[in-house]
PDB file of N, CA and C in Angstrom:
ATOM      1  N   MET A   1       0.857  -1.175   0.000  1.00  0.00           N
ATOM      2  CA  MET A   1       0.000   0.000   0.000  1.00  0.00           C
ATOM      3  C   MET A   1       0.901   1.235   0.000  1.00  0.00           C
ATOM      4  N   PRO A   2       0.580   2.236  -0.844  1.00  0.00           N
ATOM      5  CA  PRO A   2       1.395   3.452  -0.860  1.00  0.00           C
ATOM      6  C   PRO A   2       1.325   4.158   0.487  1.00  0.00           C
ATOM      7  N   THR A   3       2.362   4.885   0.806  1.00  0.00           N
ATOM      8  CA  THR A   3       2.389   5.620   2.070  1.00  0.00           C
ATOM      9  C   THR A   3       2.376   7.110   1.799  1.00  0.00           C
ATOM     10  N   MET A   4       2.003   7.875   2.833  1.00  0.00           N
ATOM     11  CA  MET A   4       1.965   9.326   2.743  1.00  0.00           C
ATOM     12  C   MET A   4       2.339   9.871   4.110  1.00  0.00           C
ATOM     13  N   ASN A   5       3.195  10.840   4.137  1.00  0.00           N
ATOM     14  CA  ASN A   5       3.543  11.506   5.387  1.00  0.00           C
ATOM     15  C   ASN A   5       2.648  12.716   5.563  1.00  0.00           C
ATOM     16  N   VAL A   6       2.100  12.864   6.753  1.00  0.00           N
ATOM     17  CA  VAL A   6       1.190  13.965   7.041  1.00  0.00           C
ATOM     18  C   VAL A   6       1.642  14.642   8.322  1.00  0.00           C
ATOM     19  N   SER A   7       1.643  15.967   8.322  1.00  0.00           N
ATOM     20  CA  SER A   7       1.989  16.721   9.525  1.00  0.00           C
ATOM     21  C   SER A   7       0.723  17.006  10.315  1.00  0.00           C
ATOM     22  N   LEU A   8       0.748  16.709  11.601  1.00  0.00           N
ATOM     23  CA  LEU A   8      -0.401  16.934  12.471  1.00  0.00           C
ATOM     24  C   LEU A   8      -0.025  17.870  13.602  1.00  0.00           C
ATOM     25  N   THR A   9      -1.008  18.629  14.054  1.00  0.00           N
ATOM     26  CA  THR A   9      -0.784  19.452  15.240  1.00  0.00           C
ATOM     27  C   THR A   9      -0.662  18.513  16.436  1.00  0.00           C
ATOM     28  N   PRO A  10      -0.076  18.988  17.519  1.00  0.00           N
ATOM     29  CA  PRO A  10       0.008  18.141  18.717  1.00  0.00           C
ATOM     30  C   PRO A  10      -1.370  17.656  19.184  1.00  0.00           C
ATOM     31  N   GLU A  11      -2.389  18.505  19.039  1.00  0.00           N
ATOM     32  CA  GLU A  11      -3.732  18.121  19.462  1.00  0.00           C
ATOM     33  C   GLU A  11      -4.274  16.967  18.610  1.00  0.00           C
ATOM     34  N   LEU A  12      -4.056  17.048  17.292  1.00  0.00           N
ATOM     35  CA  LEU A  12      -4.520  15.978  16.421  1.00  0.00           C
ATOM     36  C   LEU A  12      -3.726  14.700  16.647  1.00  0.00           C
ATOM     37  N   MET A  13      -2.452  14.840  16.882  1.00  0.00           N
ATOM     38  CA  MET A  13      -1.623  13.672  17.170  1.00  0.00           C
ATOM     39  C   MET A  13      -2.114  12.985  18.439  1.00  0.00           C
ATOM     40  N   HIS A  14      -2.463  13.777  19.450  1.00  0.00           N
ATOM     41  CA  HIS A  14      -2.990  13.226  20.698  1.00  0.00           C
ATOM     42  C   HIS A  14      -4.306  12.497  20.440  1.00  0.00           C
ATOM     43  N   LEU A  15      -5.162  13.072  19.608  1.00  0.00           N
ATOM     44  CA  LEU A  15      -6.433  12.438  19.276  1.00  0.00           C
ATOM     45  C   LEU A  15      -6.209  11.082  18.612  1.00  0.00           C
ATOM     46  N   VAL A  16      -5.306  11.033  17.653  1.00  0.00           N
ATOM     47  CA  VAL A  16      -5.010   9.773  16.964  1.00  0.00           C
ATOM     48  C   VAL A  16      -4.509   8.743  17.961  1.00  0.00           C
ATOM     49  N   HIS A  17      -3.548   9.133  18.788  1.00  0.00           N
ATOM     50  CA  HIS A  17      -3.000   8.198  19.781  1.00  0.00           C
ATOM     51  C   HIS A  17      -4.067   7.736  20.767  1.00  0.00           C
ATOM     52  N   SER A  18      -4.955   8.657  21.159  1.00  0.00           N
ATOM     53  CA  SER A  18      -6.019   8.298  22.102  1.00  0.00           C
ATOM     54  C   SER A  18      -6.966   7.267  21.506  1.00  0.00           C
ATOM     55  N   LYS A  19      -7.328   7.456  20.244  1.00  0.00           N
ATOM     56  CA  LYS A  19      -8.242   6.513  19.592  1.00  0.00           C
ATOM     57  C   LYS A  19      -7.600   5.137  19.444  1.00  0.00           C
ATOM     58  N   VAL A  20      -6.342   5.115  19.086  1.00  0.00           N
ATOM     59  CA  VAL A  20      -5.641   3.835  18.960  1.00  0.00           C
ATOM     60  C   VAL A  20      -5.514   3.177  20.335  1.00  0.00           C
ATOM     61  N   ALA A  21      -5.146   3.972  21.348  1.00  0.00           N
ATOM     62  CA  ALA A  21      -4.973   3.439  22.698  1.00  0.00           C
ATOM     63  C   ALA A  21      -6.294   2.917  23.275  1.00  0.00           C
ATOM     64  N   SER A  22      -7.411   3.505  22.825  1.00  0.00           N
ATOM     65  CA  SER A  22      -8.714   3.076  23.341  1.00  0.00           C
ATOM     66  C   SER A  22      -9.103   1.696  22.824  1.00  0.00           C
ATOM     67  N   GLY A  23      -8.418   1.239  21.801  1.00  0.00           N
ATOM     68  CA  GLY A  23      -8.741  -0.045  21.213  1.00  0.00           C
ATOM     69  C   GLY A  23      -9.748   0.050  20.076  1.00  0.00           C
ATOM     70  N   MET A  24     -10.222   1.257  19.788  1.00  0.00           N
ATOM     71  CA  MET A  24     -11.187   1.440  18.700  1.00  0.00           C
ATOM     72  C   MET A  24     -10.548   1.184  17.337  1.00  0.00           C
ATOM     73  N   TYR A  25      -9.254   1.440  17.258  1.00  0.00           N
ATOM     74  CA  TYR A  25      -8.513   1.252  16.009  1.00  0.00           C
ATOM     75  C   TYR A  25      -7.229   0.499  16.319  1.00  0.00           C
ATOM     76  N   ASN A  26      -6.771  -0.302  15.359  1.00  0.00           N
ATOM     77  CA  ASN A  26      -5.556  -1.079  15.562  1.00  0.00           C
ATOM     78  C   ASN A  26      -4.299  -0.240  15.427  1.00  0.00           C
ATOM     79  N   ASN A  27      -4.376   0.813  14.613  1.00  0.00           N
ATOM     80  CA  ASN A  27      -3.204   1.665  14.410  1.00  0.00           C
ATOM     81  C   ASN A  27      -3.652   3.015  13.857  1.00  0.00           C
ATOM     82  N   ALA A  28      -2.707   3.945  13.756  1.00  0.00           N
ATOM     83  CA  ALA A  28      -3.009   5.302  13.303  1.00  0.00           C
ATOM     84  C   ALA A  28      -3.527   5.305  11.869  1.00  0.00           C
ATOM     85  N   SER A  29      -2.981   4.468  11.023  1.00  0.00           N
ATOM     86  CA  SER A  29      -3.418   4.431   9.626  1.00  0.00           C
ATOM     87  C   SER A  29      -4.892   4.042   9.516  1.00  0.00           C
ATOM     88  N   GLU A  30      -5.297   3.084  10.315  1.00  0.00           N
ATOM     89  CA  GLU A  30      -6.704   2.658  10.297  1.00  0.00           C
ATOM     90  C   GLU A  30      -7.613   3.810  10.704  1.00  0.00           C
ATOM     91  N   PHE A  31      -7.205   4.536  11.735  1.00  0.00           N
ATOM     92  CA  PHE A  31      -7.987   5.682  12.195  1.00  0.00           C
ATOM     93  C   PHE A  31      -8.080   6.753  11.114  1.00  0.00           C
ATOM     94  N   VAL A  32      -6.966   7.087  10.490  1.00  0.00           N
ATOM     95  CA  VAL A  32      -6.948   8.129   9.462  1.00  0.00           C
ATOM     96  C   VAL A  32      -7.784   7.709   8.250  1.00  0.00           C
ATOM     97  N   ARG A  33      -7.673   6.451   7.826  1.00  0.00           N
ATOM     98  CA  ARG A  33      -8.496   5.975   6.708  1.00  0.00           C
ATOM     99  C   ARG A  33      -9.981   6.121   7.026  1.00  0.00           C
ATOM    100  N   GLU A  34     -10.379   5.734   8.243  1.00  0.00           N
ATOM    101  CA  GLU A  34     -11.778   5.853   8.654  1.00  0.00           C
ATOM    102  C   GLU A  34     -12.211   7.319   8.686  1.00  0.00           C
ATOM    103  N   ALA A  35     -11.351   8.187   9.173  1.00  0.00           N
ATOM    104  CA  ALA A  35     -11.672   9.615   9.221  1.00  0.00           C
ATOM    105  C   ALA A  35     -11.898  10.163   7.812  1.00  0.00           C
ATOM    106  N   ILE A  36     -11.071   9.771   6.877  1.00  0.00           N
ATOM    107  CA  ILE A  36     -11.204  10.237   5.492  1.00  0.00           C
ATOM    108  C   ILE A  36     -12.499   9.706   4.879  1.00  0.00           C
ATOM    109  N   ARG A  37     -12.812   8.444   5.122  1.00  0.00           N
ATOM    110  CA  ARG A  37     -14.070   7.890   4.614  1.00  0.00           C
ATOM    111  C   ARG A  37     -15.267   8.650   5.198  1.00  0.00           C
ATOM    112  N   ASN A  38     -15.193   8.981   6.486  1.00  0.00           N
ATOM    113  CA  ASN A  38     -16.284   9.722   7.130  1.00  0.00           C
ATOM    114  C   ASN A  38     -16.446  11.110   6.527  1.00  0.00           C
ATOM    115  N   ILE A  39     -15.345  11.769   6.233  1.00  0.00           N
ATOM    116  CA  ILE A  39     -15.414  13.085   5.604  1.00  0.00           C
ATOM    117  C   ILE A  39     -16.100  12.978   4.251  1.00  0.00           C
ATOM    118  N   ASP A  40     -15.733  11.979   3.477  1.00  0.00           N
ATOM    119  CA  ASP A  40     -16.339  11.795   2.159  1.00  0.00           C
ATOM    120  C   ASP A  40     -17.838  11.546   2.285  1.00  0.00           C
ATOM    121  N   THR A  41     -18.233  10.712   3.222  1.00  0.00           N
ATOM    122  CA  THR A  41     -19.651  10.433   3.456  1.00  0.00           C
ATOM    123  C   THR A  41     -20.381  11.683   3.916  1.00  0.00           C
ATOM    124  N   ASN A  42     -19.780  12.425   4.833  1.00  0.00           N
ATOM    125  CA  ASN A  42     -20.409  13.642   5.353  1.00  0.00           C
ATOM    126  C   ASN A  42     -20.596  14.683   4.259  1.00  0.00           C
ATOM    127  N   GLU A  43     -19.622  14.814   3.366  1.00  0.00           N
ATOM    128  CA  GLU A  43     -19.748  15.771   2.270  1.00  0.00           C
ATOM    129  C   GLU A  43     -20.902  15.372   1.349  1.00  0.00           C
ATOM    130  N   ALA A  44     -21.056  14.096   1.083  1.00  0.00           N
ATOM    131  CA  ALA A  44     -22.154  13.630   0.235  1.00  0.00           C
ATOM    132  C   ALA A  44     -23.499  13.893   0.912  1.00  0.00           C
ATOM    133  N   LEU A  45     -23.582  13.632   2.214  1.00  0.00           N
ATOM    134  CA  LEU A  45     -24.819  13.890   2.948  1.00  0.00           C
ATOM    135  C   LEU A  45     -25.136  15.378   2.985  1.00  0.00           C
ATOM    136  N   LEU A  46     -24.121  16.203   3.193  1.00  0.00           N
ATOM    137  CA  LEU A  46     -24.320  17.647   3.218  1.00  0.00           C
ATOM    138  C   LEU A  46     -24.830  18.144   1.877  1.00  0.00           C
ATOM    139  N   TYR A  47     -24.287  17.617   0.792  1.00  0.00           N
ATOM    140  CA  TYR A  47     -24.750  17.983  -0.545  1.00  0.00           C
ATOM    141  C   TYR A  47     -26.230  17.637  -0.698  1.00  0.00           C
ATOM    142  N   GLU A  48     -26.610  16.450  -0.275  1.00  0.00           N
ATOM    143  CA  GLU A  48     -28.003  16.017  -0.380  1.00  0.00           C
ATOM    144  C   GLU A  48     -28.923  16.897   0.473  1.00  0.00           C
ATOM    145  N   LEU A  49     -28.481  17.273   1.663  1.00  0.00           N
ATOM    146  CA  LEU A  49     -29.287  18.142   2.519  1.00  0.00           C
ATOM    147  C   LEU A  49     -29.460  19.523   1.895  1.00  0.00           C
ATOM    148  N   LYS A  50     -28.387  20.070   1.343  1.00  0.00           N
ATOM    149  CA  LYS A  50     -28.470  21.376   0.690  1.00  0.00           C
ATOM    150  C   LYS A  50     -29.385  21.318  -0.514  1.00  0.00           C
ATOM    151  N   LEU A  51     -29.301  20.249  -1.287  1.00  0.00           N
ATOM    152  CA  LEU A  51     -30.153  20.093  -2.461  1.00  0.00           C
ATOM    153  C   LEU A  51     -31.619  19.985  -2.047  1.00  0.00           C
ATOM    154  N   ALA A  52     -31.892  19.233  -1.002  1.00  0.00           N
ATOM    155  CA  ALA A  52     -33.270  19.092  -0.516  1.00  0.00           C
ATOM    156  C   ALA A  52     -33.808  20.437  -0.032  1.00  0.00           C
ATOM    157  N   LYS A  53     -32.972  21.209   0.651  1.00  0.00           N
ATOM    158  CA  LYS A  53     -33.400  22.525   1.139  1.00  0.00           C
ATOM    159  C   LYS A  53     -33.675  23.456  -0.034  1.00  0.00           C
ATOM    160  N   LEU A  54     -32.817  23.442  -1.035  1.00  0.00           N
ATOM    161  CA  LEU A  54     -33.025  24.274  -2.220  1.00  0.00           C
ATOM    162  C   LEU A  54     -34.329  23.899  -2.923  1.00  0.00           C
ATOM    163  N   LYS A  55     -34.571  22.598  -3.067  1.00  0.00           N
ATOM    164  CA  LYS A  55     -35.819  22.150  -3.702  1.00  0.00           C
ATOM    165  C   LYS A  55     -37.028  22.619  -2.902  1.00  0.00           C
ATOM    166  N   ALA A  56     -36.949  22.556  -1.585  1.00  0.00           N
ATOM    167  CA  ALA A  56     -38.064  22.996  -0.738  1.00  0.00           C
ATOM    168  C   ALA A  56     -38.299  24.496  -0.886  1.00  0.00           C
ATOM    169  N   ILE A  57     -37.223  25.256  -0.978  1.00  0.00           N
ATOM    170  CA  ILE A  57     -37.346  26.707  -1.138  1.00  0.00           C
ATOM    171  C   ILE A  57     -37.967  27.050  -2.492  1.00  0.00           C
ATOM    172  N   LEU A  58     -37.565  26.313  -3.537  1.00  0.00           N
ATOM    173  CA  LEU A  58     -38.041  26.600  -4.883  1.00  0.00           C
ATOM    174  C   LEU A  58     -39.421  26.025  -5.183  1.00  0.00           C
ATOM    175  N   LYS A  59     -39.870  25.048  -4.417  1.00  0.00           N
ATOM    176  CA  LYS A  59     -41.129  24.363  -4.714  1.00  0.00           C
ATOM    177  C   LYS A  59     -42.312  25.310  -4.878  1.00  0.00           C
ATOM    178  N   PRO A  60     -42.538  26.264  -3.969  1.00  0.00           N
ATOM    179  CA  PRO A  60     -43.690  27.156  -4.173  1.00  0.00           C
ATOM    180  C   PRO A  60     -43.613  27.921  -5.500  1.00  0.00           C
ATOM    181  N   ALA A  61     -42.442  28.363  -5.875  1.00  0.00           N
ATOM    182  CA  ALA A  61     -42.299  29.100  -7.134  1.00  0.00           C
ATOM    183  C   ALA A  61     -42.530  28.181  -8.330  1.00  0.00           C
ATOM    184  N   ILE A  62     -42.030  26.967  -8.246  1.00  0.00           N
ATOM    185  CA  ILE A  62     -42.231  25.997  -9.333  1.00  0.00           C
ATOM    186  C   ILE A  62     -43.717  25.658  -9.448  1.00  0.00           C
ATOM    187  N   ASP A  63     -44.377  25.460  -8.306  1.00  0.00           N
ATOM    188  CA  ASP A  63     -45.814  25.176  -8.317  1.00  0.00           C
ATOM    189  C   ASP A  63     -46.588  26.329  -8.956  1.00  0.00           C
ATOM    190  N   ASP A  64     -46.232  27.556  -8.583  1.00  0.00           N
ATOM    191  CA  ASP A  64     -46.894  28.721  -9.180  1.00  0.00           C
ATOM    192  C   ASP A  64     -46.693  28.743 -10.687  1.00  0.00           C
ATOM    193  N   ALA A  65     -45.471  28.536 -11.130  1.00  0.00           N
ATOM    194  CA  ALA A  65     -45.183  28.562 -12.565  1.00  0.00           C
ATOM    195  C   ALA A  65     -45.963  27.474 -13.292  1.00  0.00           C
ATOM    196  N   GLU A  66     -46.047  26.290 -12.711  1.00  0.00           N
ATOM    197  CA  GLU A  66     -46.794  25.196 -13.330  1.00  0.00           C
ATOM    198  C   GLU A  66     -48.288  25.500 -13.398  1.00  0.00           C
ATOM    199  N   ASN A  67     -48.770  26.341 -12.486  1.00  0.00           N
ATOM    200  CA  ASN A  67     -50.181  26.726 -12.470  1.00  0.00           C
ATOM    201  C   ASN A  67     -50.434  28.038 -13.206  1.00  0.00           C
ATOM    202  N   GLY A  68     -49.425  28.527 -13.925  1.00  0.00           N
ATOM    203  CA  GLY A  68     -49.585  29.743 -14.708  1.00  0.00           C
ATOM    204  C   GLY A  68     -49.550  31.018 -13.906  1.00  0.00           C
ATOM    205  N   ILE A  69     -49.087  30.937 -12.679  1.00  0.00           N
ATOM    206  CA  ILE A  69     -48.996  32.126 -11.823  1.00  0.00           C
ATOM    207  C   ILE A  69     -47.539  32.591 -11.838  1.00  0.00           C
ATOM    208  N   TYR A  70     -47.313  33.696 -12.488  1.00  0.00           N
ATOM    209  CA  TYR A  70     -45.950  34.212 -12.560  1.00  0.00           C
ATOM    210  C   TYR A  70     -45.983  35.700 -12.835  1.00  0.00           C
ATOM    211  N   VAL A  71     -44.816  36.313 -12.700  1.00  0.00           N
ATOM    212  CA  VAL A  71     -44.644  37.733 -12.953  1.00  0.00           C
ATOM    213  C   VAL A  71     -43.586  37.877 -14.032  1.00  0.00           C
ATOM    214  N   ASP A  72     -43.845  38.735 -15.004  1.00  0.00           N
ATOM    215  CA  ASP A  72     -42.817  39.003 -16.015  1.00  0.00           C
ATOM    216  C   ASP A  72     -41.636  39.671 -15.330  1.00  0.00           C
ATOM    217  N   TYR A  73     -40.465  39.131 -15.544  1.00  0.00           N
ATOM    218  CA  TYR A  73     -39.265  39.640 -14.899  1.00  0.00           C
ATOM    219  C   TYR A  73     -38.110  39.355 -15.837  1.00  0.00           C
ATOM    220  N   SER A  74     -37.497  40.378 -16.333  1.00  0.00           N
ATOM    221  CA  SER A  74     -36.448  40.202 -17.329  1.00  0.00           C
ATOM    222  C   SER A  74     -35.086  40.032 -16.673  1.00  0.00           C
ATOM    223  N   PHE A  75     -34.158  39.526 -17.461  1.00  0.00           N
ATOM    224  CA  PHE A  75     -32.785  39.401 -16.998  1.00  0.00           C
ATOM    225  C   PHE A  75     -32.220  40.777 -16.667  1.00  0.00           C
ATOM    226  N   ASP A  76     -32.536  41.763 -17.504  1.00  0.00           N
ATOM    227  CA  ASP A  76     -32.051  43.123 -17.252  1.00  0.00           C
ATOM    228  C   ASP A  76     -32.572  43.657 -15.922  1.00  0.00           C
ATOM    229  N   GLN A  77     -33.841  43.370 -15.618  1.00  0.00           N
ATOM    230  CA  GLN A  77     -34.403  43.810 -14.344  1.00  0.00           C
ATOM    231  C   GLN A  77     -33.703  43.105 -13.179  1.00  0.00           C
ATOM    232  N   LEU A  78     -33.422  41.824 -13.348  1.00  0.00           N
ATOM    233  CA  LEU A  78     -32.707  41.072 -12.319  1.00  0.00           C
ATOM    234  C   LEU A  78     -31.339  41.692 -12.059  1.00  0.00           C
ATOM    235  N   MET A  79     -30.602  41.988 -13.114  1.00  0.00           N
ATOM    236  CA  MET A  79     -29.270  42.595 -12.971  1.00  0.00           C
ATOM    237  C   MET A  79     -29.364  43.956 -12.311  1.00  0.00           C
ATOM    238  N   HIS A  80     -30.373  44.740 -12.668  1.00  0.00           N
ATOM    239  CA  HIS A  80     -30.578  46.043 -12.048  1.00  0.00           C
ATOM    240  C   HIS A  80     -30.844  45.889 -10.545  1.00  0.00           C
ATOM    241  N   ASP A  81     -31.729  44.944 -10.206  1.00  0.00           N
ATOM    242  CA  ASP A  81     -32.059  44.724  -8.795  1.00  0.00           C
ATOM    243  C   ASP A  81     -30.853  44.252  -7.993  1.00  0.00           C
ATOM    244  N   ILE A  82     -30.051  43.388  -8.602  1.00  0.00           N
ATOM    245  CA  ILE A  82     -28.843  42.905  -7.912  1.00  0.00           C
ATOM    246  C   ILE A  82     -27.861  44.054  -7.704  1.00  0.00           C
ATOM    247  N   ASP A  83     -27.671  44.869  -8.731  1.00  0.00           N
ATOM    248  CA  ASP A  83     -26.740  46.005  -8.639  1.00  0.00           C
ATOM    249  C   ASP A  83     -27.169  47.011  -7.584  1.00  0.00           C
ATOM    250  N   HIS A  84     -28.467  47.130  -7.361  1.00  0.00           N
ATOM    251  CA  HIS A  84     -28.973  48.148  -6.423  1.00  0.00           C
ATOM    252  C   HIS A  84     -29.464  47.548  -5.099  1.00  0.00           C
ATOM    253  N   GLU A  85     -29.149  46.289  -4.892  1.00  0.00           N
ATOM    254  CA  GLU A  85     -29.574  45.623  -3.654  1.00  0.00           C
ATOM    255  C   GLU A  85     -28.890  46.271  -2.464  1.00  0.00           C
ATOM    256  N   GLY A  86     -29.675  46.599  -1.474  1.00  0.00           N
ATOM    257  CA  GLY A  86     -29.131  47.157  -0.240  1.00  0.00           C
ATOM    258  C   GLY A  86     -28.866  48.644  -0.301  1.00  0.00           C
ATOM    259  N   SER A  87     -29.146  49.272  -1.437  1.00  0.00           N
ATOM    260  CA  SER A  87     -28.892  50.714  -1.484  1.00  0.00           C
ATOM    261  C   SER A  87     -30.139  51.524  -1.338  1.00  0.00           C
TER     262      SER A  87
END
């Protein structure tokens, strides 16, 4: 298996040693691999949560559009509103 050297703060080094010493992991490499897998899983879950929230926010507008309820709003008007937002 390829190896990689990583610099850790003393606090992170202590955390790794504590987890290994607790018996939860056989060695530091096992702990780090698990941590990386967890980060990857968490990022995927976070993406799904953000997407679900965006869909929920947009749903009323999509429902209105599907029911023919909308307001004419041009790209130029959008750019104007963005440029003057907060002023």
